[in-house]
C-alpha atoms as a PDB file:
ATOM      1  CA  MET A   1     -13.569-110.679 110.101  1.00  0.00           C
ATOM      2  CA  VAL A   2     -12.184-107.841 107.823  1.00  0.00           C
ATOM      3  CA  PRO A   3     -11.973-108.610 104.059  1.00  0.00           C
ATOM      4  CA  SER A   4      -8.754-109.145 102.753  1.00  0.00           C
ATOM      5  CA  PHE A   5      -8.547-106.192 100.191  1.00  0.00           C
ATOM      6  CA  HIS A   6      -8.575-104.000 103.145  1.00  0.00           C
ATOM      7  CA  ASN A   7      -5.212-105.488 104.325  1.00  0.00           C
ATOM      8  CA  ALA A   8      -3.332-104.810 100.763  1.00  0.00           C
ATOM      9  CA  ASP A   9      -0.824-102.313 100.788  1.00  0.00           C
ATOM     10  CA  ARG A  10      -1.185 -99.041  98.676  1.00  0.00           C
ATOM     11  CA  PRO A  11       1.286 -99.870  95.661  1.00  0.00           C
ATOM     12  CA  THR A  12      -0.616-103.223  95.153  1.00  0.00           C
ATOM     13  CA  HIS A  13      -4.049-101.353  95.292  1.00  0.00           C
ATOM     14  CA  ARG A  14      -2.652 -98.983  92.680  1.00  0.00           C
ATOM     15  CA  ARG A  15      -1.336-101.878  90.462  1.00  0.00           C
ATOM     16  CA  VAL A  16      -4.745-103.893  90.500  1.00  0.00           C
ATOM     17  CA  MET A  17      -6.630-100.467  89.723  1.00  0.00           C
ATOM     18  CA  ALA A  18      -4.356 -99.714  86.820  1.00  0.00           C
ATOM     19  CA  ILE A  19      -4.546-103.165  85.402  1.00  0.00           C
ATOM     20  CA  GLY A  20      -8.320-103.114  85.591  1.00  0.00           C
ATOM     21  CA  LEU A  21      -8.426 -99.698  83.923  1.00  0.00           C
ATOM     22  CA  LEU A  22      -6.285-100.898  81.132  1.00  0.00           C
ATOM     23  CA  PHE A  23      -8.561-104.081  80.672  1.00  0.00           C
ATOM     24  CA  CYS A  24     -11.526-101.976  80.479  1.00  0.00           C
ATOM     25  CA  ALA A  25     -10.091 -99.497  77.994  1.00  0.00           C
ATOM     26  CA  ALA A  26      -8.918-102.448  75.718  1.00  0.00           C
ATOM     27  CA  PHE A  27     -12.351-103.863  75.965  1.00  0.00           C
ATOM     28  CA  VAL A  28     -14.067-100.615  74.861  1.00  0.00           C
ATOM     29  CA  ILE A  29     -11.351-100.016  71.935  1.00  0.00           C
ATOM     30  CA  ILE A  30     -11.705-103.705  70.715  1.00  0.00           C
ATOM     31  CA  SER A  31     -15.747-103.623  70.843  1.00  0.00           C
ATOM     32  CA  PHE A  32     -15.739-100.050  69.058  1.00  0.00           C
ATOM     33  CA  SER A  33     -13.272-101.325  66.375  1.00  0.00           C
ATOM     34  CA  LEU A  34     -15.330-104.632  65.867  1.00  0.00           C
ATOM     35  CA  ARG A  35     -18.614-102.699  65.124  1.00  0.00           C
ATOM     36  CA  THR A  36     -20.368-102.959  61.998  1.00  0.00           C
ATOM     37  CA  PRO A  37     -20.729 -99.732  60.023  1.00  0.00           C
ATOM     38  CA  PRO A  38     -24.075 -98.274  59.559  1.00  0.00           C
ATOM     39  CA  GLU A  39     -25.966 -99.604  56.604  1.00  0.00           C
ATOM     40  CA  SER A  40     -27.076 -96.266  55.508  1.00  0.00           C
ATOM     41  CA  ASP A  41     -25.963 -92.595  56.378  1.00  0.00           C
ATOM     42  CA  ARG A  42     -29.581 -91.551  56.428  1.00  0.00           C
ATOM     43  CA  VAL A  43     -29.675 -91.133  60.029  1.00  0.00           C
ATOM     44  CA  LEU A  44     -26.418 -89.154  59.796  1.00  0.00           C
ATOM     45  CA  VAL A  45     -27.765 -86.805  57.363  1.00  0.00           C
ATOM     46  CA  LYS A  46     -30.899 -86.242  59.430  1.00  0.00           C
ATOM     47  CA  ALA A  47     -28.906 -85.388  62.616  1.00  0.00           C
ATOM     48  CA  ASP A  48     -26.765 -83.160  60.645  1.00  0.00           C
ATOM     49  CA  LYS A  49     -29.736 -81.374  59.302  1.00  0.00           C
ATOM     50  CA  LEU A  50     -31.238 -80.964  63.035  1.00  0.00           C
ATOM     51  CA  VAL A  51     -27.831 -79.802  64.205  1.00  0.00           C
ATOM     52  CA  ARG A  52     -27.381 -77.073  61.451  1.00  0.00           C
ATOM     53  CA  THR A  53     -30.994 -75.872  61.910  1.00  0.00           C
ATOM     54  CA  ALA A  54     -31.016 -75.824  65.677  1.00  0.00           C
ATOM     55  CA  GLY A  55     -31.990 -72.597  67.274  1.00  0.00           C
ATOM     56  CA  GLN A  56     -33.616 -71.244  64.080  1.00  0.00           C
ATOM     57  CA  ALA A  57     -37.215 -70.188  63.767  1.00  0.00           C
ATOM     58  CA  GLN A  58     -39.652 -72.571  62.344  1.00  0.00           C
ATOM     59  CA  LYS A  59     -40.842 -71.513  58.834  1.00  0.00           C
ATOM     60  CA  ALA A  60     -44.772 -70.977  58.614  1.00  0.00           C
ATOM     61  CA  ASN A  61     -46.693 -72.845  56.151  1.00  0.00           C
END
């Protein structure tokens, strides 16, 4: 017995894939828009400092 999705025609398969992709994209967009903003930006400042000083020699004490 062959699963039924192997018997589907190509346009139906593409349509189902497109609808699934749209639902996935909508879920990601909605979840990012409903996120709470960070309470403080201390982590962002630290990350920015690390990025700006990357590749530079460490200062000796």
